[in-house]
Each structure stands twice: as structure tokens, then as C-alpha cells.
PDB file of all heavy atoms in Angstrom:
ATOM      1  N   ASN A   1     -22.967 -52.423   3.741  1.00  0.00           N
ATOM      2  CA  ASN A   1     -23.649 -53.757   3.829  1.00  0.00           C
ATOM      3  C   ASN A   1     -24.429 -53.917   5.107  1.00  0.00           C
ATOM      4  O   ASN A   1     -25.562 -54.389   5.100  1.00  0.00           O
ATOM      5  CB  ASN A   1     -22.638 -54.890   3.680  1.00  0.00           C
ATOM      6  CG  ASN A   1     -22.091 -54.999   2.284  1.00  0.00           C
ATOM      7  OD1 ASN A   1     -22.506 -54.310   1.356  1.00  0.00           O
ATOM      8  ND2 ASN A   1     -21.027 -55.767   2.139  1.00  0.00           N
ATOM      9  N   ILE A   2     -23.843 -53.526   6.218  1.00  0.00           N
ATOM     10  CA  ILE A   2     -24.531 -53.584   7.491  1.00  0.00           C
ATOM     11  C   ILE A   2     -25.836 -52.748   7.513  1.00  0.00           C
ATOM     12  O   ILE A   2     -26.869 -53.261   8.010  1.00  0.00           O
ATOM     13  CB  ILE A   2     -23.573 -53.110   8.655  1.00  0.00           C
ATOM     14  CG1 ILE A   2     -22.511 -54.141   8.871  1.00  0.00           C
ATOM     15  CG2 ILE A   2     -24.395 -52.934   9.938  1.00  0.00           C
ATOM     16  CD1 ILE A   2     -21.387 -53.720   9.766  1.00  0.00           C
ATOM     17  N   LEU A   3     -25.787 -51.643   6.927  1.00  0.00           N
ATOM     18  CA  LEU A   3     -26.961 -50.719   6.925  1.00  0.00           C
ATOM     19  C   LEU A   3     -27.986 -51.102   5.887  1.00  0.00           C
ATOM     20  O   LEU A   3     -29.192 -50.883   6.073  1.00  0.00           O
ATOM     21  CB  LEU A   3     -26.536 -49.310   6.719  1.00  0.00           C
ATOM     22  CG  LEU A   3     -25.755 -48.689   7.901  1.00  0.00           C
ATOM     23  CD1 LEU A   3     -25.239 -47.283   7.476  1.00  0.00           C
ATOM     24  CD2 LEU A   3     -26.565 -48.612   9.119  1.00  0.00           C
ATOM     25  N   HIS A   4     -27.587 -51.654   4.722  1.00  0.00           N
ATOM     26  CA  HIS A   4     -28.505 -51.767   3.623  1.00  0.00           C
ATOM     27  C   HIS A   4     -28.647 -53.138   3.002  1.00  0.00           C
ATOM     28  O   HIS A   4     -29.716 -53.444   2.376  1.00  0.00           O
ATOM     29  CB  HIS A   4     -28.079 -50.816   2.496  1.00  0.00           C
ATOM     30  CG  HIS A   4     -27.981 -49.403   2.948  1.00  0.00           C
ATOM     31  ND1 HIS A   4     -29.080 -48.639   3.225  1.00  0.00           N
ATOM     32  CD2 HIS A   4     -26.926 -48.635   3.179  1.00  0.00           C
ATOM     33  CE1 HIS A   4     -28.698 -47.447   3.629  1.00  0.00           C
ATOM     34  NE2 HIS A   4     -27.373 -47.404   3.564  1.00  0.00           N
ATOM     35  N   GLN A   5     -27.696 -54.028   3.132  1.00  0.00           N
ATOM     36  CA  GLN A   5     -27.706 -55.314   2.433  1.00  0.00           C
ATOM     37  C   GLN A   5     -28.693 -56.252   3.160  1.00  0.00           C
ATOM     38  O   GLN A   5     -28.676 -56.369   4.380  1.00  0.00           O
ATOM     39  CB  GLN A   5     -26.374 -55.957   2.372  1.00  0.00           C
ATOM     40  CG  GLN A   5     -26.312 -57.346   1.765  1.00  0.00           C
ATOM     41  CD  GLN A   5     -24.946 -57.955   1.862  1.00  0.00           C
ATOM     42  OE1 GLN A   5     -23.988 -57.442   2.397  1.00  0.00           O
ATOM     43  NE2 GLN A   5     -24.784 -59.105   1.237  1.00  0.00           N
ATOM     44  N   ALA A   6     -29.526 -56.937   2.347  1.00  0.00           N
ATOM     45  CA  ALA A   6     -30.412 -57.949   2.933  1.00  0.00           C
ATOM     46  C   ALA A   6     -29.544 -59.067   3.410  1.00  0.00           C
ATOM     47  O   ALA A   6     -28.601 -59.471   2.759  1.00  0.00           O
ATOM     48  CB  ALA A   6     -31.380 -58.415   1.891  1.00  0.00           C
ATOM     49  N   ILE A   7     -29.915 -59.707   4.530  1.00  0.00           N
ATOM     50  CA  ILE A   7     -29.167 -60.787   5.111  1.00  0.00           C
ATOM     51  C   ILE A   7     -29.776 -62.088   4.507  1.00  0.00           C
ATOM     52  O   ILE A   7     -30.967 -62.327   4.529  1.00  0.00           O
ATOM     53  CB  ILE A   7     -29.255 -60.812   6.631  1.00  0.00           C
ATOM     54  CG1 ILE A   7     -28.613 -59.533   7.162  1.00  0.00           C
ATOM     55  CG2 ILE A   7     -28.519 -62.039   7.189  1.00  0.00           C
ATOM     56  CD1 ILE A   7     -28.830 -59.311   8.626  1.00  0.00           C
ATOM     57  N   TYR A   8     -28.908 -62.973   4.046  1.00  0.00           N
ATOM     58  CA  TYR A   8     -29.273 -64.262   3.444  1.00  0.00           C
ATOM     59  C   TYR A   8     -29.288 -65.320   4.566  1.00  0.00           C
ATOM     60  O   TYR A   8     -28.290 -65.455   5.306  1.00  0.00           O
ATOM     61  CB  TYR A   8     -28.291 -64.653   2.371  1.00  0.00           C
ATOM     62  CG  TYR A   8     -28.424 -66.101   1.877  1.00  0.00           C
ATOM     63  CD1 TYR A   8     -29.560 -66.479   1.149  1.00  0.00           C
ATOM     64  CD2 TYR A   8     -27.491 -67.030   2.164  1.00  0.00           C
ATOM     65  CE1 TYR A   8     -29.698 -67.794   0.696  1.00  0.00           C
ATOM     66  CE2 TYR A   8     -27.591 -68.326   1.722  1.00  0.00           C
ATOM     67  CZ  TYR A   8     -28.683 -68.656   1.029  1.00  0.00           C
ATOM     68  OH  TYR A   8     -28.801 -69.977   0.607  1.00  0.00           O
ATOM     69  N   TYR A   9     -30.404 -65.993   4.677  1.00  0.00           N
ATOM     70  CA  TYR A   9     -30.565 -67.084   5.701  1.00  0.00           C
ATOM     71  C   TYR A   9     -30.625 -68.359   4.881  1.00  0.00           C
ATOM     72  O   TYR A   9     -31.633 -68.662   4.293  1.00  0.00           O
ATOM     73  CB  TYR A   9     -31.768 -66.893   6.562  1.00  0.00           C
ATOM     74  CG  TYR A   9     -31.672 -65.583   7.435  1.00  0.00           C
ATOM     75  CD1 TYR A   9     -32.231 -64.417   7.008  1.00  0.00           C
ATOM     76  CD2 TYR A   9     -30.943 -65.557   8.568  1.00  0.00           C
ATOM     77  CE1 TYR A   9     -32.126 -63.259   7.727  1.00  0.00           C
ATOM     78  CE2 TYR A   9     -30.777 -64.402   9.339  1.00  0.00           C
ATOM     79  CZ  TYR A   9     -31.367 -63.261   8.916  1.00  0.00           C
ATOM     80  OH  TYR A   9     -31.247 -62.098   9.645  1.00  0.00           O
ATOM     81  N   PRO A  10     -29.566 -69.193   4.892  1.00  0.00           N
ATOM     82  CA  PRO A  10     -29.585 -70.440   4.141  1.00  0.00           C
ATOM     83  C   PRO A  10     -30.681 -71.391   4.569  1.00  0.00           C
ATOM     84  O   PRO A  10     -31.122 -71.377   5.664  1.00  0.00           O
ATOM     85  CB  PRO A  10     -28.199 -71.061   4.432  1.00  0.00           C
ATOM     86  CG  PRO A  10     -27.353 -69.968   4.973  1.00  0.00           C
ATOM     87  CD  PRO A  10     -28.275 -68.974   5.640  1.00  0.00           C
ATOM     88  N   SER A  11     -31.145 -72.184   3.580  1.00  0.00           N
ATOM     89  CA  SER A  11     -32.247 -73.107   3.863  1.00  0.00           C
ATOM     90  C   SER A  11     -31.880 -74.232   4.811  1.00  0.00           C
ATOM     91  O   SER A  11     -32.732 -74.848   5.389  1.00  0.00           O
ATOM     92  CB  SER A  11     -32.733 -73.665   2.533  1.00  0.00           C
ATOM     93  OG  SER A  11     -31.706 -74.458   1.848  1.00  0.00           O
ATOM     94  N   PHE A  12     -30.591 -74.460   5.045  1.00  0.00           N
ATOM     95  CA  PHE A  12     -30.242 -75.507   5.984  1.00  0.00           C
ATOM     96  C   PHE A  12     -30.398 -75.094   7.436  1.00  0.00           C
ATOM     97  O   PHE A  12     -30.367 -75.892   8.320  1.00  0.00           O
ATOM     98  CB  PHE A  12     -28.767 -76.031   5.742  1.00  0.00           C
ATOM     99  CG  PHE A  12     -27.700 -74.991   5.929  1.00  0.00           C
ATOM    100  CD1 PHE A  12     -27.272 -74.641   7.206  1.00  0.00           C
ATOM    101  CD2 PHE A  12     -27.065 -74.421   4.849  1.00  0.00           C
ATOM    102  CE1 PHE A  12     -26.301 -73.676   7.379  1.00  0.00           C
ATOM    103  CE2 PHE A  12     -26.064 -73.520   4.959  1.00  0.00           C
ATOM    104  CZ  PHE A  12     -25.655 -73.088   6.245  1.00  0.00           C
ATOM    105  N   LEU A  13     -30.595 -73.813   7.692  1.00  0.00           N
ATOM    106  CA  LEU A  13     -30.849 -73.349   9.039  1.00  0.00           C
ATOM    107  C   LEU A  13     -32.295 -73.740   9.442  1.00  0.00           C
ATOM    108  O   LEU A  13     -33.211 -73.684   8.693  1.00  0.00           O
ATOM    109  CB  LEU A  13     -30.759 -71.825   9.140  1.00  0.00           C
ATOM    110  CG  LEU A  13     -29.398 -71.187   8.995  1.00  0.00           C
ATOM    111  CD1 LEU A  13     -29.494 -69.665   9.022  1.00  0.00           C
ATOM    112  CD2 LEU A  13     -28.490 -71.659  10.153  1.00  0.00           C
ATOM    113  N   SER A  14     -32.418 -74.160  10.711  1.00  0.00           N
ATOM    114  CA  SER A  14     -33.756 -74.468  11.231  1.00  0.00           C
ATOM    115  C   SER A  14     -34.573 -73.243  11.304  1.00  0.00           C
ATOM    116  O   SER A  14     -34.039 -72.164  11.372  1.00  0.00           O
ATOM    117  CB  SER A  14     -33.615 -75.152  12.595  1.00  0.00           C
ATOM    118  OG  SER A  14     -33.203 -74.186  13.546  1.00  0.00           O
ATOM    119  N   PRO A  15     -35.881 -73.354  11.299  1.00  0.00           N
ATOM    120  CA  PRO A  15     -36.741 -72.164  11.500  1.00  0.00           C
ATOM    121  C   PRO A  15     -36.410 -71.450  12.787  1.00  0.00           C
ATOM    122  O   PRO A  15     -36.472 -70.230  12.841  1.00  0.00           O
ATOM    123  CB  PRO A  15     -38.171 -72.713  11.498  1.00  0.00           C
ATOM    124  CG  PRO A  15     -38.096 -74.017  10.803  1.00  0.00           C
ATOM    125  CD  PRO A  15     -36.721 -74.581  11.100  1.00  0.00           C
ATOM    126  N   GLU A  16     -36.075 -72.182  13.866  1.00  0.00           N
ATOM    127  CA  GLU A  16     -35.747 -71.510  15.117  1.00  0.00           C
ATOM    128  C   GLU A  16     -34.456 -70.779  15.035  1.00  0.00           C
ATOM    129  O   GLU A  16     -34.301 -69.654  15.558  1.00  0.00           O
ATOM    130  CB  GLU A  16     -35.599 -72.644  16.229  1.00  0.00           C
ATOM    131  CG  GLU A  16     -36.886 -73.349  16.559  1.00  0.00           C
ATOM    132  CD  GLU A  16     -37.210 -74.509  15.597  1.00  0.00           C
ATOM    133  OE1 GLU A  16     -36.345 -74.825  14.757  1.00  0.00           O
ATOM    134  OE2 GLU A  16     -38.272 -75.022  15.738  1.00  0.00           O
ATOM    135  N   ALA A  17     -33.443 -71.317  14.304  1.00  0.00           N
ATOM    136  CA  ALA A  17     -32.185 -70.651  14.125  1.00  0.00           C
ATOM    137  C   ALA A  17     -32.376 -69.338  13.276  1.00  0.00           C
ATOM    138  O   ALA A  17     -31.896 -68.296  13.638  1.00  0.00           O
ATOM    139  CB  ALA A  17     -31.144 -71.538  13.425  1.00  0.00           C
ATOM    140  N   THR A  18     -33.170 -69.481  12.209  1.00  0.00           N
ATOM    141  CA  THR A  18     -33.420 -68.281  11.359  1.00  0.00           C
ATOM    142  C   THR A  18     -34.171 -67.225  12.195  1.00  0.00           C
ATOM    143  O   THR A  18     -33.781 -66.049  12.124  1.00  0.00           O
ATOM    144  CB  THR A  18     -34.284 -68.666  10.173  1.00  0.00           C
ATOM    145  OG1 THR A  18     -33.523 -69.638   9.367  1.00  0.00           O
ATOM    146  CG2 THR A  18     -34.597 -67.505   9.298  1.00  0.00           C
ATOM    147  N   SER A  19     -35.104 -67.591  12.988  1.00  0.00           N
ATOM    148  CA  SER A  19     -35.908 -66.699  13.778  1.00  0.00           C
ATOM    149  C   SER A  19     -35.072 -65.975  14.794  1.00  0.00           C
ATOM    150  O   SER A  19     -35.150 -64.723  14.940  1.00  0.00           O
ATOM    151  CB  SER A  19     -36.995 -67.437  14.515  1.00  0.00           C
ATOM    152  OG  SER A  19     -37.683 -66.610  15.454  1.00  0.00           O
ATOM    153  N   ILE A  20     -34.171 -66.639  15.518  1.00  0.00           N
ATOM    154  CA  ILE A  20     -33.346 -65.962  16.489  1.00  0.00           C
ATOM    155  C   ILE A  20     -32.305 -65.026  15.855  1.00  0.00           C
ATOM    156  O   ILE A  20     -32.047 -63.943  16.289  1.00  0.00           O
ATOM    157  CB  ILE A  20     -32.670 -66.911  17.458  1.00  0.00           C
ATOM    158  CG1 ILE A  20     -32.232 -66.194  18.743  1.00  0.00           C
ATOM    159  CG2 ILE A  20     -31.498 -67.696  16.856  1.00  0.00           C
ATOM    160  CD1 ILE A  20     -31.917 -67.050  19.954  1.00  0.00           C
ATOM    161  N   LEU A  21     -31.777 -65.499  14.707  1.00  0.00           N
ATOM    162  CA  LEU A  21     -30.842 -64.617  13.966  1.00  0.00           C
ATOM    163  C   LEU A  21     -31.533 -63.352  13.419  1.00  0.00           C
ATOM    164  O   LEU A  21     -31.031 -62.253  13.572  1.00  0.00           O
ATOM    165  CB  LEU A  21     -30.170 -65.360  12.832  1.00  0.00           C
ATOM    166  CG  LEU A  21     -29.215 -66.475  13.214  1.00  0.00           C
ATOM    167  CD1 LEU A  21     -28.757 -67.263  12.023  1.00  0.00           C
ATOM    168  CD2 LEU A  21     -28.025 -65.949  13.980  1.00  0.00           C
ATOM    169  N   GLU A  22     -32.724 -63.509  12.872  1.00  0.00           N
ATOM    170  CA  GLU A  22     -33.451 -62.361  12.390  1.00  0.00           C
ATOM    171  C   GLU A  22     -33.762 -61.424  13.555  1.00  0.00           C
ATOM    172  O   GLU A  22     -33.648 -60.195  13.394  1.00  0.00           O
ATOM    173  CB  GLU A  22     -34.789 -62.776  11.789  1.00  0.00           C
ATOM    174  CG  GLU A  22     -34.642 -63.479  10.415  1.00  0.00           C
ATOM    175  CD  GLU A  22     -35.924 -64.003   9.876  1.00  0.00           C
ATOM    176  OE1 GLU A  22     -36.860 -64.357  10.661  1.00  0.00           O
ATOM    177  OE2 GLU A  22     -35.994 -64.111   8.617  1.00  0.00           O
ATOM    178  N   GLY A  23     -34.084 -61.964  14.722  1.00  0.00           N
ATOM    179  CA  GLY A  23     -34.409 -61.113  15.877  1.00  0.00           C
ATOM    180  C   GLY A  23     -33.171 -60.342  16.364  1.00  0.00           C
ATOM    181  O   GLY A  23     -33.244 -59.204  16.736  1.00  0.00           O
ATOM    182  N   LEU A  24     -32.018 -61.075  16.423  1.00  0.00           N
ATOM    183  CA  LEU A  24     -30.817 -60.407  16.914  1.00  0.00           C
ATOM    184  C   LEU A  24     -30.208 -59.471  15.943  1.00  0.00           C
ATOM    185  O   LEU A  24     -29.571 -58.436  16.330  1.00  0.00           O
ATOM    186  CB  LEU A  24     -29.814 -61.473  17.292  1.00  0.00           C
ATOM    187  CG  LEU A  24     -30.138 -62.305  18.518  1.00  0.00           C
ATOM    188  CD1 LEU A  24     -29.209 -63.501  18.656  1.00  0.00           C
ATOM    189  CD2 LEU A  24     -30.092 -61.481  19.833  1.00  0.00           C
ATOM    190  N   LEU A  25     -30.406 -59.717  14.638  1.00  0.00           N
ATOM    191  CA  LEU A  25     -29.831 -58.841  13.595  1.00  0.00           C
ATOM    192  C   LEU A  25     -30.803 -57.804  13.078  1.00  0.00           C
ATOM    193  O   LEU A  25     -30.557 -57.131  12.041  1.00  0.00           O
ATOM    194  CB  LEU A  25     -29.265 -59.732  12.453  1.00  0.00           C
ATOM    195  CG  LEU A  25     -28.121 -60.639  12.823  1.00  0.00           C
ATOM    196  CD1 LEU A  25     -27.770 -61.559  11.675  1.00  0.00           C
ATOM    197  CD2 LEU A  25     -26.896 -59.809  13.253  1.00  0.00           C
ATOM    198  N   GLU A  26     -31.912 -57.619  13.811  1.00  0.00           N
ATOM    199  CA  GLU A  26     -32.839 -56.525  13.457  1.00  0.00           C
ATOM    200  C   GLU A  26     -32.098 -55.208  13.520  1.00  0.00           C
ATOM    201  O   GLU A  26     -31.463 -54.900  14.507  1.00  0.00           O
ATOM    202  CB  GLU A  26     -34.031 -56.551  14.474  1.00  0.00           C
ATOM    203  CG  GLU A  26     -34.913 -55.379  14.468  1.00  0.00           C
ATOM    204  CD  GLU A  26     -35.577 -55.098  13.176  1.00  0.00           C
ATOM    205  OE1 GLU A  26     -36.155 -56.070  12.597  1.00  0.00           O
ATOM    206  OE2 GLU A  26     -35.531 -53.962  12.666  1.00  0.00           O
ATOM    207  N   ARG A  27     -32.225 -54.443  12.449  1.00  0.00           N
ATOM    208  CA  ARG A  27     -31.488 -53.171  12.339  1.00  0.00           C
ATOM    209  C   ARG A  27     -32.046 -52.117  13.309  1.00  0.00           C
ATOM    210  O   ARG A  27     -31.324 -51.254  13.778  1.00  0.00           O
ATOM    211  CB  ARG A  27     -31.468 -52.692  10.957  1.00  0.00           C
ATOM    212  CG  ARG A  27     -30.527 -53.495  10.080  1.00  0.00           C
ATOM    213  CD  ARG A  27     -30.413 -52.980   8.683  1.00  0.00           C
ATOM    214  NE  ARG A  27     -29.353 -53.638   7.943  1.00  0.00           N
ATOM    215  CZ  ARG A  27     -29.558 -54.669   7.123  1.00  0.00           C
ATOM    216  NH1 ARG A  27     -30.728 -55.198   6.933  1.00  0.00           N
ATOM    217  NH2 ARG A  27     -28.510 -55.220   6.513  1.00  0.00           N
ATOM    218  N   ASP A  28     -33.321 -52.198  13.610  1.00  0.00           N
ATOM    219  CA  ASP A  28     -33.963 -51.216  14.477  1.00  0.00           C
ATOM    220  C   ASP A  28     -33.772 -51.686  15.932  1.00  0.00           C
ATOM    221  O   ASP A  28     -34.371 -52.665  16.366  1.00  0.00           O
ATOM    222  CB  ASP A  28     -35.428 -51.062  14.195  1.00  0.00           C
ATOM    223  CG  ASP A  28     -36.181 -50.103  15.075  1.00  0.00           C
ATOM    224  OD1 ASP A  28     -35.568 -49.618  16.065  1.00  0.00           O
ATOM    225  OD2 ASP A  28     -37.370 -49.803  14.821  1.00  0.00           O
ATOM    226  N   PRO A  29     -32.932 -51.059  16.707  1.00  0.00           N
ATOM    227  CA  PRO A  29     -32.632 -51.542  18.069  1.00  0.00           C
ATOM    228  C   PRO A  29     -33.889 -51.623  18.969  1.00  0.00           C
ATOM    229  O   PRO A  29     -33.962 -52.463  19.848  1.00  0.00           O
ATOM    230  CB  PRO A  29     -31.694 -50.442  18.659  1.00  0.00           C
ATOM    231  CG  PRO A  29     -31.092 -49.764  17.449  1.00  0.00           C
ATOM    232  CD  PRO A  29     -32.147 -49.873  16.396  1.00  0.00           C
ATOM    233  N   SER A  30     -34.877 -50.777  18.720  1.00  0.00           N
ATOM    234  CA  SER A  30     -36.096 -50.846  19.552  1.00  0.00           C
ATOM    235  C   SER A  30     -36.900 -52.149  19.256  1.00  0.00           C
ATOM    236  O   SER A  30     -37.786 -52.488  20.040  1.00  0.00           O
ATOM    237  CB  SER A  30     -36.927 -49.603  19.351  1.00  0.00           C
ATOM    238  OG  SER A  30     -37.530 -49.587  18.043  1.00  0.00           O
ATOM    239  N   ARG A  31     -36.663 -52.748  18.132  1.00  0.00           N
ATOM    240  CA  ARG A  31     -37.365 -54.003  17.797  1.00  0.00           C
ATOM    241  C   ARG A  31     -36.515 -55.218  17.873  1.00  0.00           C
ATOM    242  O   ARG A  31     -36.965 -56.343  17.588  1.00  0.00           O
ATOM    243  CB  ARG A  31     -37.923 -53.885  16.346  1.00  0.00           C
ATOM    244  CG  ARG A  31     -38.979 -52.760  16.269  1.00  0.00           C
ATOM    245  CD  ARG A  31     -39.588 -52.629  14.908  1.00  0.00           C
ATOM    246  NE  ARG A  31     -39.330 -53.784  13.989  1.00  0.00           N
ATOM    247  CZ  ARG A  31     -39.433 -53.702  12.719  1.00  0.00           C
ATOM    248  NH1 ARG A  31     -39.792 -52.635  12.107  1.00  0.00           N
ATOM    249  NH2 ARG A  31     -39.174 -54.792  11.945  1.00  0.00           N
ATOM    250  N   ARG A  32     -35.252 -55.087  18.233  1.00  0.00           N
ATOM    251  CA  ARG A  32     -34.297 -56.148  18.299  1.00  0.00           C
ATOM    252  C   ARG A  32     -34.594 -57.106  19.464  1.00  0.00           C
ATOM    253  O   ARG A  32     -34.984 -56.650  20.530  1.00  0.00           O
ATOM    254  CB  ARG A  32     -32.856 -55.558  18.433  1.00  0.00           C
ATOM    255  CG  ARG A  32     -31.774 -56.609  18.284  1.00  0.00           C
ATOM    256  CD  ARG A  32     -30.427 -55.964  18.199  1.00  0.00           C
ATOM    257  NE  ARG A  32     -30.393 -55.096  17.040  1.00  0.00           N
ATOM    258  CZ  ARG A  32     -29.738 -53.927  16.962  1.00  0.00           C
ATOM    259  NH1 ARG A  32     -29.066 -53.502  18.071  1.00  0.00           N
ATOM    260  NH2 ARG A  32     -29.758 -53.172  15.908  1.00  0.00           N
ATOM    261  N   LEU A  33     -34.419 -58.425  19.237  1.00  0.00           N
ATOM    262  CA  LEU A  33     -34.580 -59.415  20.239  1.00  0.00           C
ATOM    263  C   LEU A  33     -33.687 -59.078  21.426  1.00  0.00           C
ATOM    264  O   LEU A  33     -32.503 -58.793  21.249  1.00  0.00           O
ATOM    265  CB  LEU A  33     -34.272 -60.822  19.698  1.00  0.00           C
ATOM    266  CG  LEU A  33     -34.615 -61.976  20.572  1.00  0.00           C
ATOM    267  CD1 LEU A  33     -36.095 -62.046  20.808  1.00  0.00           C
ATOM    268  CD2 LEU A  33     -34.122 -63.276  19.888  1.00  0.00           C
TER     269      LEU A  33
END
């Protein structure tokens, strides 16, 4: 799951919360926030 599953971002998250989570959970370390 960590390597392949798409991460679900619920609609109740603010755009800022979704953005920071996407940045921190980027699988490619060279592109990670």
C-alpha cells in the first residue's frame, strides 16, 4: 500500500492541508516537501 496505493484526501480537508500532505507524502524523496 505504501508503495502503490493512491492516497485518498477527503473533501473536508482544506486545500492547504491537502497540499502539505501531498508534499510530505510524495513517494519520490527528491520531490518531497
